[in-house]
Amino acid sequence: ILAAVAIPKFIDLSTEANAAALDGVEGSLTSAMAINYAGCAALNNTPTANKCVAVDDCGDVASLLTGGVPAGYSVTAGAIAAPNGTTAACVVVQSAGPTNGAFTGIRAGM
């Protein structure tokens, strides 16, 4: 009985927790790009405050999120080719985790 109580104290779930957090950030970045693209498409790709932000680089995702990219994460710059609607594989780096993540960047508002 003691072993069943003592073992959980020594299990380290930080790797799994970091991976889950990275998955969540990847999803929010992809979602932000998709929502921005939809807003821009509805406005003929004319940048408009709070509706369409010009995006031609993966790093532009920070301007799509309230508060920017979450603390402990950074986005690697990478061009997204023309025309509007073109997608690119973008990289998000987690400072606490052992691996990087990927999200989909979408060119818009250009």
Protein backbone atom coordinates (compact mmCIF):
# COMPACT_ATOMS: atom_id res chain seq x y z
CA ILE A 1 0.00 0.00 0.00
CA LEU A 2 2.87 2.38 0.76
CA ALA A 3 4.32 1.87 -2.73
CA ALA A 4 1.03 2.83 -4.36
CA VAL A 5 0.98 6.08 -2.39
CA ALA A 6 4.67 6.95 -2.73
CA ILE A 7 5.22 6.24 -6.44
CA PRO A 8 3.07 9.10 -7.82
CA LYS A 9 5.25 11.61 -5.98
CA PHE A 10 8.20 10.61 -8.16
CA ILE A 11 6.51 10.59 -11.56
CA ASP A 12 7.59 13.52 -13.72
CA LEU A 13 4.88 14.59 -16.16
CA SER A 14 6.57 17.84 -17.22
CA THR A 15 7.43 16.50 -20.70
CA GLU A 16 3.81 15.58 -21.35
CA ALA A 17 2.60 18.89 -19.91
CA ASN A 18 4.99 20.87 -22.13
CA ALA A 19 3.89 18.89 -25.19
CA ALA A 20 0.22 19.54 -24.42
CA ALA A 21 0.87 23.25 -23.89
CA LEU A 22 2.74 23.41 -27.21
CA ASP A 23 -0.20 21.70 -28.95
CA GLY A 24 -2.53 24.35 -27.54
CA VAL A 25 -0.35 27.23 -28.71
CA GLU A 26 -0.01 25.66 -32.18
CA GLY A 27 -3.81 25.48 -32.40
CA SER A 28 -4.31 29.08 -31.31
CA LEU A 29 -1.74 30.37 -33.83
CA THR A 30 -3.31 28.39 -36.69
CA SER A 31 -6.77 29.59 -35.65
CA ALA A 32 -5.65 33.22 -35.48
CA MET A 33 -4.25 32.99 -39.01
CA ALA A 34 -7.46 31.41 -40.35
CA ILE A 35 -9.75 33.95 -38.67
CA ASN A 36 -7.63 36.83 -39.97
CA TYR A 37 -7.66 35.40 -43.50
CA ALA A 38 -11.46 35.11 -43.39
CA GLY A 39 -11.79 38.70 -42.17
CA CYS A 40 -9.46 39.95 -44.88
CA ALA A 41 -11.25 37.98 -47.59
CA ALA A 42 -14.54 39.57 -46.54
CA LEU A 43 -12.96 43.03 -46.89
CA ASN A 44 -11.27 42.49 -50.26
CA ASN A 45 -7.92 42.09 -48.45
CA THR A 46 -7.94 45.70 -47.30
CA PRO A 47 -6.24 45.99 -43.90
CA THR A 48 -8.81 47.35 -41.44
CA ALA A 49 -8.39 47.79 -37.70
CA ASN A 50 -9.70 44.79 -35.72
CA LYS A 51 -10.88 43.03 -38.90
CA CYS A 52 -7.95 42.43 -41.27
CA VAL A 53 -4.21 42.54 -40.53
CA ALA A 54 -1.66 42.33 -43.34
CA VAL A 55 0.25 39.03 -43.02
CA ASP A 56 3.16 38.05 -45.27
CA ASP A 57 5.44 36.45 -42.66
CA CYS A 58 4.96 33.79 -40.00
CA GLY A 59 6.09 36.29 -37.36
CA ASP A 60 3.10 38.51 -38.13
CA VAL A 61 0.92 36.13 -36.10
CA ALA A 62 1.92 38.03 -32.95
CA SER A 63 -0.13 41.01 -34.15
CA LEU A 64 -3.22 38.78 -34.45
CA LEU A 65 -3.27 37.73 -30.79
CA THR A 66 -4.32 39.88 -27.86
CA GLY A 67 -1.11 40.20 -25.88
CA GLY A 68 0.98 38.68 -28.67
CA VAL A 69 2.60 35.25 -28.63
CA PRO A 70 2.33 33.69 -25.15
CA ALA A 71 5.27 34.04 -22.75
CA GLY A 72 7.72 31.18 -23.13
CA TYR A 73 7.13 30.88 -26.88
CA SER A 74 8.53 32.56 -29.97
CA VAL A 75 7.76 32.31 -33.67
CA THR A 76 10.49 31.88 -36.25
CA ALA A 77 10.23 34.43 -39.06
CA GLY A 78 9.45 32.96 -42.45
CA ALA A 79 7.99 34.55 -45.56
CA ILE A 80 4.57 33.48 -46.83
CA ALA A 81 4.52 33.75 -50.61
CA ALA A 82 1.92 35.63 -52.65
CA PRO A 83 -0.97 35.56 -53.44
CA ASN A 84 -3.36 35.98 -50.52
CA GLY A 85 -4.57 32.62 -49.24
CA THR A 86 -1.22 30.92 -49.74
CA THR A 87 -0.28 28.77 -46.76
CA ALA A 88 3.13 28.07 -45.27
CA ALA A 89 4.49 25.83 -42.55
CA CYS A 90 5.53 28.09 -39.67
CA VAL A 91 7.59 27.21 -36.59
CA VAL A 92 6.79 28.02 -32.96
CA VAL A 93 9.56 27.51 -30.38
CA GLN A 94 8.79 26.57 -26.79
CA SER A 95 11.54 27.72 -24.43
CA ALA A 96 10.69 25.07 -21.80
CA GLY A 97 10.20 22.16 -24.18
CA PRO A 98 12.61 19.94 -26.02
CA THR A 99 10.98 20.36 -29.42
CA ASN A 100 9.52 22.97 -31.73
CA GLY A 101 5.98 22.97 -33.04
CA ALA A 102 4.39 23.84 -36.34
CA PHE A 103 1.38 25.90 -37.32
CA THR A 104 -0.12 27.00 -40.62
CA GLY A 105 0.49 30.57 -41.72
CA ILE A 106 -1.90 32.13 -44.24
CA ARG A 107 -1.02 35.19 -46.30
CA ALA A 108 -3.71 37.87 -46.11
CA GLY A 109 -4.38 41.57 -46.48
CA MET A 110 -1.70 42.22 -49.08
